[in-house]
N, C-alpha and C. Protein backbone atom coordinates (compact mmCIF):
# COMPACT_ATOMS: atom_id res chain seq x y z
N MET A 1 23.18 -89.56 -65.91
CA MET A 1 23.46 -89.74 -67.50
C MET A 1 23.99 -91.45 -67.66
N MET A 2 23.95 -91.60 -68.64
CA MET A 2 24.29 -92.98 -68.57
C MET A 2 25.97 -93.67 -68.84
N ILE A 3 26.24 -94.43 -68.45
CA ILE A 3 27.59 -94.67 -68.23
C ILE A 3 28.34 -95.45 -69.73
N LEU A 4 27.23 -95.69 -70.85
CA LEU A 4 27.32 -96.58 -72.05
C LEU A 4 27.98 -95.50 -72.95
N ARG A 5 29.30 -95.67 -73.14
CA ARG A 5 30.04 -94.57 -74.03
C ARG A 5 30.21 -95.56 -75.63
N ARG A 6 30.39 -94.09 -76.48
CA ARG A 6 31.08 -94.74 -77.75
C ARG A 6 31.73 -94.11 -78.26
N ASP A 7 33.49 -94.21 -78.47
CA ASP A 7 34.61 -93.33 -78.53
C ASP A 7 34.61 -92.55 -77.65
N GLY A 8 34.53 -92.48 -76.46
CA GLY A 8 34.31 -91.70 -75.67
C GLY A 8 33.75 -90.39 -75.18
N TRP A 9 32.12 -90.90 -76.22
CA TRP A 9 30.92 -89.87 -75.85
C TRP A 9 30.22 -90.72 -75.38
N PRO A 10 29.20 -90.08 -74.20
CA PRO A 10 27.93 -91.03 -73.97
C PRO A 10 27.11 -91.07 -74.79
N ILE A 11 26.48 -92.68 -74.77
CA ILE A 11 25.31 -92.83 -75.68
C ILE A 11 24.77 -91.50 -76.10
N LEU A 12 23.95 -91.15 -74.80
CA LEU A 12 23.08 -90.24 -75.13
C LEU A 12 23.16 -89.36 -76.03
N LEU A 13 24.30 -88.95 -75.97
CA LEU A 13 24.79 -87.74 -77.08
C LEU A 13 24.40 -88.14 -78.59
N LEU A 14 24.59 -89.58 -78.57
CA LEU A 14 24.18 -90.15 -79.94
C LEU A 14 22.85 -89.23 -80.39
N PHE A 15 21.97 -89.13 -79.69
CA PHE A 15 20.76 -88.85 -80.25
C PHE A 15 20.52 -87.39 -80.57
N LEU A 16 21.34 -86.48 -80.06
CA LEU A 16 21.38 -84.85 -79.93
C LEU A 16 20.91 -84.87 -81.37
N GLY A 17 21.92 -84.73 -82.00
CA GLY A 17 21.88 -84.25 -83.35
C GLY A 17 20.61 -84.60 -84.09
N SER A 18 20.27 -85.91 -83.96
CA SER A 18 19.43 -86.83 -84.95
C SER A 18 17.73 -86.73 -84.40
N LEU A 19 17.52 -86.94 -83.06
CA LEU A 19 16.26 -87.04 -82.14
C LEU A 19 16.09 -85.52 -82.32
N LEU A 20 17.08 -84.34 -81.76
CA LEU A 20 16.20 -83.38 -81.33
C LEU A 20 15.21 -82.69 -82.38
N GLY A 21 15.61 -82.99 -83.42
CA GLY A 21 14.90 -82.25 -84.64
C GLY A 21 13.53 -82.87 -84.69
N MET A 22 13.41 -84.46 -84.53
CA MET A 22 12.62 -85.18 -84.70
C MET A 22 11.50 -84.90 -83.69
N VAL A 23 12.23 -84.89 -82.45
CA VAL A 23 11.39 -84.82 -81.23
C VAL A 23 10.26 -83.80 -81.27
N SER A 24 10.94 -82.82 -82.10
CA SER A 24 10.37 -81.45 -81.71
C SER A 24 8.83 -81.67 -82.42
N GLY A 25 9.02 -82.61 -83.54
CA GLY A 25 7.88 -82.44 -84.58
C GLY A 25 6.62 -83.51 -84.38
N LEU A 26 7.20 -84.59 -83.00
CA LEU A 26 6.42 -85.47 -82.62
C LEU A 26 5.03 -85.16 -82.14
N ALA A 27 3.76 -86.08 -82.06
CA ALA A 27 2.74 -85.34 -81.35
C ALA A 27 2.73 -85.40 -79.90
N GLN A 28 2.81 -84.39 -79.33
CA GLN A 28 3.16 -84.30 -78.03
C GLN A 28 2.04 -84.74 -77.07
N ALA A 29 0.81 -84.71 -77.62
CA ALA A 29 -0.51 -85.30 -76.89
C ALA A 29 -0.22 -86.78 -76.59
N ASP A 30 0.86 -87.60 -77.04
CA ASP A 30 0.80 -88.79 -76.84
C ASP A 30 0.65 -88.92 -75.29
N ALA A 31 1.89 -88.34 -74.59
CA ALA A 31 1.99 -88.58 -73.23
C ALA A 31 1.64 -87.18 -72.40
N GLY A 32 0.91 -86.03 -73.42
CA GLY A 32 0.29 -85.05 -72.59
C GLY A 32 1.54 -84.25 -71.64
N GLU A 33 2.56 -84.08 -72.59
CA GLU A 33 3.59 -83.45 -72.45
C GLU A 33 4.56 -82.99 -73.68
N GLY A 34 5.50 -82.21 -73.31
CA GLY A 34 6.11 -82.03 -74.37
C GLY A 34 7.44 -82.79 -74.33
N HIS A 35 8.11 -83.68 -75.10
CA HIS A 35 8.84 -84.20 -75.06
C HIS A 35 10.66 -83.26 -76.00
N HIS A 36 11.65 -83.64 -75.35
CA HIS A 36 12.86 -83.02 -75.74
C HIS A 36 13.76 -84.04 -75.28
N GLN A 37 14.81 -83.72 -76.06
CA GLN A 37 16.12 -84.85 -75.97
C GLN A 37 16.82 -85.26 -74.59
N GLY A 38 16.71 -86.27 -73.96
CA GLY A 38 17.44 -86.12 -72.83
C GLY A 38 16.66 -85.70 -71.48
N HIS A 39 15.41 -85.05 -71.44
CA HIS A 39 15.01 -84.55 -70.60
C HIS A 39 13.42 -84.76 -70.61
N SER A 40 12.77 -85.38 -71.37
CA SER A 40 11.49 -86.08 -71.33
C SER A 40 11.24 -86.49 -70.35
N HIS A 41 11.89 -87.28 -69.41
CA HIS A 41 11.68 -88.05 -68.11
C HIS A 41 11.51 -86.87 -67.31
N GLU A 42 12.14 -85.71 -67.39
CA GLU A 42 11.49 -84.73 -66.22
C GLU A 42 9.90 -84.15 -65.80
N ALA A 43 9.13 -84.76 -66.94
CA ALA A 43 7.65 -84.59 -66.62
C ALA A 43 7.40 -85.50 -65.60
N HIS A 44 7.99 -86.75 -65.31
CA HIS A 44 7.67 -87.53 -64.65
C HIS A 44 5.95 -87.86 -64.59
N VAL A 45 5.96 -88.47 -65.55
CA VAL A 45 3.91 -88.48 -65.59
C VAL A 45 4.10 -90.22 -65.04
N HIS A 46 3.34 -90.63 -64.11
CA HIS A 46 3.56 -92.31 -63.78
C HIS A 46 2.80 -92.73 -64.64
N GLY A 47 2.88 -94.03 -64.99
CA GLY A 47 2.24 -94.80 -66.02
C GLY A 47 3.23 -94.69 -67.20
N VAL A 48 3.69 -93.69 -67.66
CA VAL A 48 3.98 -93.54 -68.63
C VAL A 48 5.88 -93.50 -69.16
N ALA A 49 6.10 -94.24 -69.82
CA ALA A 49 7.73 -94.46 -69.76
C ALA A 49 8.36 -94.13 -71.01
N GLU A 50 9.45 -94.07 -71.55
CA GLU A 50 10.04 -93.26 -73.02
C GLU A 50 11.28 -94.75 -73.43
N LEU A 51 11.20 -95.11 -74.86
CA LEU A 51 12.28 -95.64 -75.12
C LEU A 51 12.76 -94.99 -76.26
N LEU A 52 13.82 -94.84 -76.24
CA LEU A 52 14.79 -94.38 -77.68
C LEU A 52 15.70 -95.52 -78.14
N ILE A 53 15.50 -95.11 -79.81
CA ILE A 53 16.10 -96.38 -80.30
C ILE A 53 16.95 -95.70 -81.64
N ALA A 54 18.16 -95.57 -81.54
CA ALA A 54 18.86 -95.29 -82.85
C ALA A 54 19.72 -96.49 -83.21
N LEU A 55 19.73 -96.69 -84.74
CA LEU A 55 20.62 -97.58 -85.53
C LEU A 55 21.39 -96.50 -86.24
N GLU A 56 22.75 -96.85 -85.96
CA GLU A 56 23.63 -95.91 -86.91
C GLU A 56 24.79 -97.02 -87.41
N GLY A 57 24.68 -97.36 -88.84
CA GLY A 57 25.82 -98.66 -89.05
C GLY A 57 25.53 -99.86 -88.70
N GLU A 58 26.02 -100.37 -88.17
CA GLU A 58 26.28 -101.63 -87.09
C GLU A 58 26.03 -101.50 -85.62
N GLN A 59 25.70 -100.20 -85.02
CA GLN A 59 25.31 -99.92 -83.67
C GLN A 59 24.45 -99.63 -83.57
N LEU A 60 23.77 -100.37 -82.67
CA LEU A 60 22.14 -100.21 -81.93
C LEU A 60 22.14 -99.67 -80.90
N ASN A 61 21.31 -98.66 -80.30
CA ASN A 61 21.34 -98.14 -79.01
C ASN A 61 20.01 -97.82 -78.52
N ILE A 62 19.77 -98.41 -77.66
CA ILE A 62 18.41 -98.38 -76.94
C ILE A 62 18.26 -97.63 -75.74
N GLU A 63 17.56 -96.72 -75.17
CA GLU A 63 17.80 -96.27 -74.00
C GLU A 63 16.26 -95.98 -73.37
N LEU A 64 16.06 -96.71 -71.82
CA LEU A 64 14.81 -96.33 -71.22
C LEU A 64 14.66 -95.49 -70.53
N HIS A 65 13.84 -94.36 -70.42
CA HIS A 65 13.16 -93.56 -69.42
C HIS A 65 12.53 -93.82 -68.81
N SER A 66 11.70 -93.96 -67.20
CA SER A 66 10.89 -94.28 -66.61
C SER A 66 10.70 -93.64 -65.39
N PRO A 67 9.90 -93.15 -64.59
CA PRO A 67 9.71 -93.05 -63.06
C PRO A 67 9.51 -94.32 -62.22
N ALA A 68 10.64 -94.06 -61.47
CA ALA A 68 10.84 -95.23 -60.39
C ALA A 68 9.42 -95.73 -60.48
N MET A 69 8.35 -95.33 -60.18
CA MET A 69 6.99 -95.63 -59.52
C MET A 69 6.56 -96.78 -60.75
N ASN A 70 7.01 -96.67 -61.70
CA ASN A 70 6.53 -97.48 -62.68
C ASN A 70 6.96 -98.90 -62.87
N LEU A 71 8.37 -98.87 -62.21
CA LEU A 71 9.29 -100.54 -62.34
C LEU A 71 8.94 -100.89 -61.19
N LEU A 72 8.94 -99.84 -59.96
CA LEU A 72 9.41 -100.80 -58.67
C LEU A 72 8.29 -100.47 -57.68
N GLY A 73 7.32 -99.56 -57.49
CA GLY A 73 6.15 -99.55 -57.37
C GLY A 73 6.34 -98.66 -56.31
N PHE A 74 7.63 -97.90 -56.28
CA PHE A 74 8.15 -96.91 -54.99
C PHE A 74 8.59 -96.08 -55.80
N GLU A 75 9.18 -94.91 -54.97
CA GLU A 75 10.13 -93.97 -55.61
C GLU A 75 11.07 -93.72 -55.00
N GLN A 76 11.15 -93.51 -53.60
CA GLN A 76 12.47 -93.20 -52.28
C GLN A 76 13.06 -94.39 -52.16
N ARG A 77 14.44 -94.23 -51.58
CA ARG A 77 15.32 -95.19 -51.33
C ARG A 77 14.78 -96.19 -50.59
N ALA A 78 14.94 -97.40 -51.37
CA ALA A 78 14.49 -99.03 -50.81
C ALA A 78 15.06 -99.21 -49.43
N GLN A 79 13.92 -98.94 -48.52
CA GLN A 79 13.91 -98.90 -47.21
C GLN A 79 13.75 -100.30 -46.17
N ASN A 80 12.90 -101.02 -46.79
CA ASN A 80 12.70 -102.37 -46.01
C ASN A 80 13.33 -103.53 -46.75
N PRO A 81 13.23 -104.93 -46.45
CA PRO A 81 13.25 -105.79 -46.77
C PRO A 81 12.55 -106.07 -48.30
N GLU A 82 11.17 -105.65 -48.21
CA GLU A 82 10.36 -106.13 -49.63
C GLU A 82 10.96 -105.16 -50.33
N GLN A 83 10.94 -104.03 -50.50
CA GLN A 83 11.73 -102.84 -51.54
C GLN A 83 12.94 -103.39 -51.87
N LYS A 84 13.71 -103.50 -50.85
CA LYS A 84 15.09 -104.29 -51.25
C LYS A 84 15.24 -105.27 -52.32
N ALA A 85 14.26 -106.24 -51.72
CA ALA A 85 13.77 -107.35 -52.78
C ALA A 85 13.56 -107.01 -54.03
N GLU A 86 12.47 -106.04 -54.24
CA GLU A 86 12.21 -105.57 -55.72
C GLU A 86 13.34 -104.95 -56.49
N LEU A 87 14.09 -104.16 -55.73
CA LEU A 87 15.02 -103.42 -56.18
C LEU A 87 15.94 -104.63 -57.16
N VAL A 88 16.40 -105.44 -56.33
CA VAL A 88 17.32 -106.90 -56.62
C VAL A 88 16.69 -107.28 -58.25
N ARG A 89 14.95 -107.51 -57.82
CA ARG A 89 14.22 -108.20 -58.67
C ARG A 89 14.46 -107.49 -59.79
N VAL A 90 13.95 -106.07 -59.92
CA VAL A 90 14.03 -105.14 -61.23
C VAL A 90 15.28 -105.03 -61.91
N ARG A 91 15.99 -104.75 -60.90
CA ARG A 91 17.61 -104.84 -61.73
C ARG A 91 18.14 -105.92 -62.63
N GLY A 92 17.47 -106.89 -62.16
CA GLY A 92 17.95 -108.30 -62.70
C GLY A 92 16.90 -108.45 -63.91
N LEU A 93 16.19 -107.57 -63.99
CA LEU A 93 15.13 -107.76 -65.34
C LEU A 93 15.40 -106.48 -66.14
N LEU A 94 15.64 -105.96 -65.70
CA LEU A 94 16.41 -104.82 -66.54
C LEU A 94 17.60 -104.98 -67.52
N ALA A 95 18.31 -105.98 -66.60
CA ALA A 95 19.87 -106.37 -67.14
C ALA A 95 19.44 -107.51 -68.25
N ASP A 96 18.44 -108.11 -68.28
CA ASP A 96 18.06 -109.05 -68.96
C ASP A 96 17.41 -108.71 -70.54
N ALA A 97 18.23 -108.26 -71.42
CA ALA A 97 18.02 -107.68 -72.65
C ALA A 97 17.40 -108.56 -73.15
N GLU A 98 17.68 -109.91 -73.76
CA GLU A 98 17.23 -110.91 -74.23
C GLU A 98 15.51 -111.20 -74.10
N ARG A 99 15.15 -110.42 -72.79
CA ARG A 99 13.83 -110.72 -72.26
C ARG A 99 12.95 -109.74 -72.70
N LEU A 100 13.89 -108.50 -72.61
CA LEU A 100 13.13 -106.97 -72.54
C LEU A 100 12.83 -107.17 -74.45
N PHE A 101 13.89 -107.58 -75.03
CA PHE A 101 13.79 -107.01 -76.38
C PHE A 101 14.01 -107.73 -77.66
N GLN A 102 13.00 -108.26 -78.23
CA GLN A 102 13.12 -109.59 -79.62
C GLN A 102 13.79 -108.82 -80.59
N LEU A 103 14.72 -108.74 -81.19
CA LEU A 103 15.14 -107.95 -82.60
C LEU A 103 14.89 -109.01 -83.41
N GLU A 104 14.21 -108.57 -84.50
CA GLU A 104 14.08 -109.60 -85.46
C GLU A 104 14.99 -109.17 -86.67
N SER A 105 15.67 -110.35 -86.95
CA SER A 105 16.65 -110.17 -87.75
C SER A 105 17.79 -109.52 -87.33
N GLY A 106 18.71 -108.99 -88.34
CA GLY A 106 19.57 -108.08 -88.05
C GLY A 106 20.65 -108.59 -88.01
N ARG A 107 20.41 -109.87 -86.94
CA ARG A 107 22.03 -110.77 -86.28
C ARG A 107 22.37 -109.51 -85.35
N CYS A 108 21.97 -109.27 -84.28
CA CYS A 108 22.37 -108.01 -83.59
C CYS A 108 22.74 -108.88 -82.20
N GLN A 109 24.11 -108.37 -81.55
CA GLN A 109 24.66 -108.56 -80.34
C GLN A 109 24.50 -107.71 -79.38
N LEU A 110 24.11 -108.35 -77.98
CA LEU A 110 24.40 -106.95 -77.00
C LEU A 110 25.95 -106.92 -76.81
N LEU A 111 26.65 -105.60 -76.62
CA LEU A 111 27.82 -105.53 -76.29
C LEU A 111 28.10 -105.00 -74.40
N GLU A 112 26.96 -104.23 -74.41
CA GLU A 112 26.74 -103.88 -72.75
C GLU A 112 25.77 -103.31 -72.46
N HIS A 113 25.67 -103.19 -71.26
CA HIS A 113 24.20 -102.33 -70.82
C HIS A 113 24.70 -101.55 -69.43
N ALA A 114 23.71 -100.63 -69.35
CA ALA A 114 23.75 -100.29 -67.50
C ALA A 114 22.46 -99.50 -67.15
N VAL A 115 22.43 -99.42 -66.34
CA VAL A 115 21.35 -99.32 -65.14
C VAL A 115 21.74 -98.31 -64.28
N ASP A 116 21.01 -97.00 -64.21
CA ASP A 116 20.57 -95.92 -62.86
C ASP A 116 19.31 -96.19 -61.96
N PHE A 117 19.48 -96.29 -61.17
CA PHE A 117 18.39 -96.26 -60.23
C PHE A 117 18.07 -94.79 -59.57
N GLY A 118 19.11 -93.97 -59.98
CA GLY A 118 19.17 -92.37 -59.07
C GLY A 118 19.09 -92.37 -57.79
N GLY A 119 18.07 -91.47 -57.37
CA GLY A 119 18.08 -91.69 -55.91
C GLY A 119 17.20 -92.80 -55.12
N VAL A 120 16.45 -93.68 -55.93
CA VAL A 120 16.16 -94.86 -55.11
C VAL A 120 17.06 -96.15 -54.98
N GLY A 121 18.25 -95.96 -55.36
CA GLY A 121 19.91 -96.74 -55.50
C GLY A 121 20.66 -96.08 -54.42
N ALA A 122 20.25 -95.00 -54.01
CA ALA A 122 21.21 -94.27 -53.51
C ALA A 122 21.68 -94.77 -52.15
N ASP A 123 23.20 -94.79 -51.59
CA ASP A 123 23.08 -95.43 -49.97
C ASP A 123 22.90 -94.37 -49.39
N ALA A 124 22.78 -95.06 -48.28
CA ALA A 124 22.04 -94.31 -47.07
C ALA A 124 22.51 -93.14 -46.64
N SER A 125 23.93 -92.75 -46.72
CA SER A 125 24.71 -91.31 -46.44
C SER A 125 24.19 -90.38 -47.20
N GLU A 126 23.85 -90.63 -48.54
CA GLU A 126 23.48 -89.86 -49.53
C GLU A 126 22.13 -89.46 -49.51
N HIS A 127 21.37 -90.18 -48.96
CA HIS A 127 19.69 -90.30 -48.87
C HIS A 127 20.02 -89.15 -47.42
N ASP A 128 20.54 -89.85 -46.54
CA ASP A 128 20.18 -88.76 -45.16
C ASP A 128 20.86 -87.54 -45.63
N GLU A 129 21.81 -87.04 -46.59
CA GLU A 129 22.17 -85.74 -46.59
C GLU A 129 20.78 -85.36 -47.56
N HIS A 130 20.16 -85.62 -48.14
CA HIS A 130 19.24 -85.12 -49.03
C HIS A 130 18.04 -84.67 -47.62
N GLU A 131 17.95 -85.57 -46.76
CA GLU A 131 17.14 -85.22 -45.94
C GLU A 131 16.84 -84.22 -45.26
N HIS A 132 18.29 -83.41 -44.98
CA HIS A 132 18.60 -82.37 -44.51
C HIS A 132 18.08 -80.75 -45.40
N ASP A 133 17.90 -81.36 -46.93
CA ASP A 133 17.50 -80.22 -47.56
C ASP A 133 15.92 -80.60 -48.11
N PRO A 134 14.67 -79.62 -47.32
CA PRO A 134 13.76 -80.39 -47.44
C PRO A 134 13.29 -79.95 -49.31
N GLU A 135 13.85 -79.32 -49.88
CA GLU A 135 13.76 -78.99 -51.26
C GLU A 135 14.28 -80.20 -51.88
N VAL A 136 15.33 -80.59 -51.77
CA VAL A 136 15.88 -81.59 -52.73
C VAL A 136 15.35 -82.87 -51.98
N GLY A 137 15.19 -83.31 -50.71
CA GLY A 137 14.61 -84.11 -50.20
C GLY A 137 13.27 -84.69 -51.07
N HIS A 138 12.26 -83.63 -50.86
CA HIS A 138 10.86 -83.65 -51.60
C HIS A 138 11.18 -84.30 -53.15
N ALA A 139 11.88 -83.07 -53.80
CA ALA A 139 12.26 -83.95 -55.08
C ALA A 139 12.87 -85.10 -55.55
N GLN A 140 13.51 -85.68 -54.18
CA GLN A 140 13.94 -86.92 -54.67
C GLN A 140 12.76 -87.99 -54.47
N ALA A 141 11.93 -87.77 -53.33
CA ALA A 141 10.87 -88.87 -53.27
C ALA A 141 10.14 -88.74 -53.76
N LYS A 142 9.74 -87.73 -54.79
CA LYS A 142 8.50 -87.80 -55.62
C LYS A 142 8.53 -87.80 -57.19
N HIS A 143 9.89 -87.62 -57.56
CA HIS A 143 10.71 -87.54 -59.18
C HIS A 143 11.73 -88.24 -58.80
N SER A 144 11.56 -89.59 -58.59
CA SER A 144 12.92 -90.64 -58.36
C SER A 144 12.64 -91.36 -59.92
N ASP A 145 13.60 -91.18 -60.92
CA ASP A 145 13.55 -91.90 -62.12
C ASP A 145 14.77 -93.21 -62.38
N ILE A 146 14.25 -94.21 -63.34
CA ILE A 146 15.18 -95.05 -63.63
C ILE A 146 15.68 -94.82 -65.20
N GLN A 147 17.05 -95.36 -65.32
CA GLN A 147 17.21 -95.21 -66.79
C GLN A 147 18.28 -96.32 -67.06
N ALA A 148 17.85 -97.02 -68.40
CA ALA A 148 18.85 -98.32 -68.58
C ALA A 148 19.25 -98.06 -69.92
N GLY A 149 20.47 -98.35 -70.51
CA GLY A 149 21.08 -98.52 -71.54
C GLY A 149 21.43 -99.56 -71.96
N TYR A 150 21.30 -99.84 -73.44
CA TYR A 150 21.85 -101.20 -74.14
C TYR A 150 22.24 -100.74 -75.40
N ARG A 151 23.59 -101.59 -75.66
CA ARG A 151 24.26 -101.38 -77.00
C ARG A 151 24.33 -102.63 -77.45
N TYR A 152 24.06 -102.53 -78.75
CA TYR A 152 24.39 -104.01 -79.59
C TYR A 152 25.00 -103.31 -80.78
N ARG A 153 25.80 -104.65 -81.41
CA ARG A 153 26.11 -104.46 -82.57
C ARG A 153 25.48 -105.74 -83.62
N CYS A 154 24.95 -105.09 -84.58
CA CYS A 154 24.29 -105.31 -85.57
C CYS A 154 24.88 -106.17 -87.29
N GLU A 155 24.99 -107.22 -87.11
CA GLU A 155 26.04 -107.58 -88.18
C GLU A 155 24.91 -107.43 -89.64
N GLN A 156 23.98 -107.39 -89.79
CA GLN A 156 23.20 -106.98 -90.85
C GLN A 156 22.33 -106.15 -90.49
N PRO A 157 22.39 -104.38 -90.06
CA PRO A 157 21.39 -103.80 -89.74
C PRO A 157 20.37 -103.23 -90.99
N ASP A 158 20.79 -103.68 -92.18
CA ASP A 158 19.69 -103.41 -93.00
C ASP A 158 18.52 -104.30 -92.95
N LYS A 159 18.39 -105.72 -92.47
CA LYS A 159 17.67 -106.29 -91.78
C LYS A 159 16.69 -106.25 -90.57
N LEU A 160 17.58 -105.00 -89.96
CA LEU A 160 16.72 -105.14 -88.73
C LEU A 160 15.56 -104.05 -89.07
N LEU A 161 14.20 -104.75 -89.22
CA LEU A 161 13.24 -103.71 -89.77
C LEU A 161 12.10 -103.51 -88.91
N SER A 162 12.10 -104.14 -87.65
CA SER A 162 11.28 -104.23 -86.66
C SER A 162 11.90 -105.05 -85.35
N PHE A 163 11.27 -104.71 -84.26
CA PHE A 163 11.50 -105.16 -82.85
C PHE A 163 10.23 -105.40 -82.02
N VAL A 164 10.18 -106.12 -80.96
CA VAL A 164 9.27 -106.36 -79.99
C VAL A 164 10.06 -106.20 -78.80
N THR A 165 9.25 -105.48 -77.83
CA THR A 165 9.58 -105.40 -76.44
C THR A 165 8.78 -106.02 -75.53
N ASP A 166 8.81 -106.47 -74.20
CA ASP A 166 7.93 -106.83 -73.30
C ASP A 166 8.22 -106.09 -71.96
N ILE A 167 8.44 -105.12 -72.31
CA ILE A 167 8.50 -103.77 -71.12
C ILE A 167 7.39 -103.63 -70.52
N PRO A 168 5.86 -103.59 -71.12
CA PRO A 168 4.91 -103.29 -70.68
C PRO A 168 3.92 -105.06 -70.08
N ALA A 169 4.66 -105.69 -70.68
CA ALA A 169 4.30 -107.02 -69.89
C ALA A 169 4.78 -107.24 -68.83
N LEU A 170 6.53 -107.01 -68.63
CA LEU A 170 7.04 -107.42 -67.36
C LEU A 170 6.90 -106.21 -66.32
N PHE A 171 6.39 -104.91 -66.53
CA PHE A 171 6.33 -103.78 -65.64
C PHE A 171 4.97 -103.31 -66.09
N PRO A 172 3.78 -103.99 -65.33
CA PRO A 172 2.26 -103.46 -65.15
C PRO A 172 2.23 -102.12 -65.11
N GLY A 173 3.41 -101.25 -64.27
CA GLY A 173 3.05 -99.93 -64.38
C GLY A 173 3.11 -99.29 -64.98
N VAL A 174 3.86 -99.68 -66.24
CA VAL A 174 4.04 -99.08 -67.42
C VAL A 174 3.16 -99.08 -68.62
N ALA A 175 1.85 -98.07 -68.40
CA ALA A 175 0.55 -98.17 -69.06
C ALA A 175 0.83 -98.03 -70.41
N SER A 176 1.95 -96.91 -70.73
CA SER A 176 2.13 -96.35 -71.69
C SER A 176 3.13 -96.25 -72.21
N LEU A 177 4.17 -97.01 -73.22
CA LEU A 177 5.55 -97.10 -73.38
C LEU A 177 5.33 -96.18 -74.83
N GLN A 178 6.30 -94.67 -74.67
CA GLN A 178 6.78 -93.59 -75.81
C GLN A 178 7.86 -93.95 -76.66
N VAL A 179 7.78 -94.77 -78.01
CA VAL A 179 8.73 -94.98 -78.73
C VAL A 179 9.15 -94.17 -79.43
N GLN A 180 10.46 -93.72 -79.57
CA GLN A 180 10.87 -92.60 -80.65
C GLN A 180 12.34 -93.45 -81.21
N TRP A 181 12.28 -93.34 -82.69
CA TRP A 181 13.37 -94.41 -83.22
C TRP A 181 14.27 -93.72 -84.34
N ILE A 182 15.10 -93.73 -84.80
CA ILE A 182 15.84 -93.62 -85.63
C ILE A 182 16.52 -94.97 -86.05
N ALA A 183 16.16 -94.95 -87.85
CA ALA A 183 17.06 -96.05 -88.41
C ALA A 183 17.44 -95.42 -89.39
N GLY A 184 18.84 -94.89 -89.74
CA GLY A 184 19.40 -94.71 -91.33
C GLY A 184 18.79 -93.62 -91.10
N SER A 185 18.10 -93.38 -92.34
CA SER A 185 17.70 -92.45 -92.65
C SER A 185 16.13 -92.19 -92.39
N ARG A 186 15.59 -93.43 -91.63
CA ARG A 186 14.24 -93.56 -91.44
C ARG A 186 14.14 -92.75 -89.74
N GLN A 187 12.86 -92.40 -89.39
CA GLN A 187 12.41 -92.35 -88.42
C GLN A 187 11.10 -92.05 -87.71
N GLY A 188 10.64 -92.14 -86.47
CA GLY A 188 9.54 -92.32 -86.39
C GLY A 188 9.00 -92.42 -84.94
N ALA A 189 7.69 -92.53 -84.47
CA ALA A 189 7.25 -92.81 -83.20
C ALA A 189 6.00 -93.57 -83.10
N ALA A 190 5.79 -94.38 -81.85
CA ALA A 190 5.19 -95.53 -81.84
C ALA A 190 4.58 -95.20 -80.30
N THR A 191 3.65 -95.79 -79.81
CA THR A 191 2.76 -95.76 -78.54
C THR A 191 2.34 -97.19 -78.26
N LEU A 192 3.30 -97.74 -77.47
CA LEU A 192 2.93 -98.89 -77.04
C LEU A 192 2.48 -99.72 -75.50
N ASP A 193 1.78 -100.67 -75.38
CA ASP A 193 1.32 -100.96 -74.28
C ASP A 193 1.15 -102.79 -74.39
N ASN A 194 0.34 -103.34 -73.22
CA ASN A 194 0.47 -104.38 -73.06
C ASN A 194 0.14 -105.30 -74.37
N ASN A 195 -0.81 -104.75 -75.27
CA ASN A 195 -1.30 -105.42 -75.97
C ASN A 195 -0.73 -105.29 -77.64
N HIS A 196 0.07 -104.19 -77.76
CA HIS A 196 0.86 -103.74 -78.98
C HIS A 196 2.37 -103.44 -78.28
N ARG A 197 3.14 -104.49 -78.70
CA ARG A 197 4.29 -103.96 -78.23
C ARG A 197 5.30 -104.28 -79.23
N HIS A 198 4.71 -104.33 -80.76
CA HIS A 198 5.90 -104.29 -81.89
C HIS A 198 6.24 -103.07 -82.97
N VAL A 199 7.39 -102.61 -82.56
CA VAL A 199 7.71 -101.58 -83.61
C VAL A 199 8.25 -102.00 -84.98
N ARG A 200 7.75 -101.37 -85.99
CA ARG A 200 8.53 -101.31 -87.27
C ARG A 200 8.95 -100.19 -87.75
N PHE A 201 10.12 -100.55 -88.26
CA PHE A 201 11.30 -99.58 -88.67
C PHE A 201 11.35 -98.90 -90.14
N ARG A 202 9.61 -98.41 -90.23
CA ARG A 202 9.74 -98.02 -91.75
C ARG A 202 8.65 -96.51 -91.88
């Protein structure tokens, strides 16, 4: 669960009322899986990540869900110096919202962000405890996911008509970025990759 909140509610809940109806009607063949809000990452398809975007009034929320393998190249807790260095590098990239997202017009300012590395970022004691449970340990090793959330305030939300993301370029493991968006009364979906990074809200 993301730690970003608005009026005491997790940002993820902002999507429940609006995205839930939309997601059920999206073409499920885009990622070869059924999407439903807050749980699409459970399908855990390597090479596929999901980006959820919601513009409500002046508030813009963006959430990224991805298997850890796509971003880090491994799925278990970082153990050697190389993996620990990669964890630090990826954490830095995910914290650099200006590099990840280019918002065209709208005059949007980042207010806060949060990144959850799940089991990959677990401390040693938590990891060791899971190792004693074969089922949990296996799930942790095979199905680690990363979530990142970003909250913006847009002074001119009506002028925010599109945006560009460099996620596929920064993370070559993301071969397909499934985007689901809501902007006021408009909603839609797009599939992005390293050659197609532009989403238009229309």
